[in-house]
């Protein structure tokens, strides 16, 4: 029984880490796309 509990806790930790990494990646990508849009707008307004 303790082995099963340890495995369950490990699985929960791994899934939480995976969700956190995916969320941070998505937010970083969204931030980058917003920065690229702002850069494009600046470029267009300059020329």
Protein backbone atom coordinates (compact mmCIF):
# COMPACT_ATOMS: atom_id res chain seq x y z
CA UNK A 1 0.00 0.00 0.00
CA UNK A 2 2.71 2.63 0.79
CA UNK A 3 4.33 1.89 -2.59
CA UNK A 4 1.04 2.64 -4.33
CA UNK A 5 0.73 5.90 -2.37
CA UNK A 6 4.28 6.93 -3.34
CA UNK A 7 3.58 6.17 -7.00
CA UNK A 8 0.34 8.16 -6.88
CA UNK A 9 2.10 11.16 -5.32
CA UNK A 10 4.89 10.98 -7.91
CA UNK A 11 2.38 10.82 -10.76
CA UNK A 12 0.50 13.82 -9.35
CA UNK A 13 3.73 15.82 -9.02
CA UNK A 14 4.81 14.98 -12.58
CA UNK A 15 1.44 15.95 -14.03
CA UNK A 16 1.43 19.23 -12.07
CA UNK A 17 4.94 20.06 -13.32
CA UNK A 18 3.89 19.23 -16.89
CA UNK A 19 0.81 21.48 -16.65
CA UNK A 20 2.89 24.31 -15.18
CA UNK A 21 5.53 24.05 -17.93
CA UNK A 22 2.87 23.99 -20.65
CA UNK A 23 1.14 27.03 -19.14
CA UNK A 24 4.41 28.98 -18.92
CA UNK A 25 5.29 28.05 -22.51
CA UNK A 26 1.88 29.20 -23.77
CA UNK A 27 2.12 32.51 -21.88
CA UNK A 28 5.66 33.09 -23.17
CA UNK A 29 4.57 32.41 -26.76
CA UNK A 30 1.61 34.76 -26.37
CA UNK A 31 3.91 37.48 -25.00
CA UNK A 32 6.33 36.99 -27.91
CA UNK A 33 3.56 37.25 -30.50
CA UNK A 34 2.31 40.45 -28.86
CA UNK A 35 5.84 41.89 -28.94
CA UNK A 36 6.19 40.94 -32.61
CA UNK A 37 2.87 42.64 -33.39
CA UNK A 38 3.98 45.81 -31.59
CA UNK A 39 7.32 45.71 -33.43
CA UNK A 40 5.53 45.32 -36.78
CA UNK A 41 3.25 48.26 -35.99
CA UNK A 42 6.26 50.42 -35.10
CA UNK A 43 8.03 49.36 -38.31
CA UNK A 44 4.97 50.16 -40.44
CA UNK A 45 4.47 53.54 -38.78
CA UNK A 46 8.16 54.40 -39.30
CA UNK A 47 8.14 53.69 -43.02
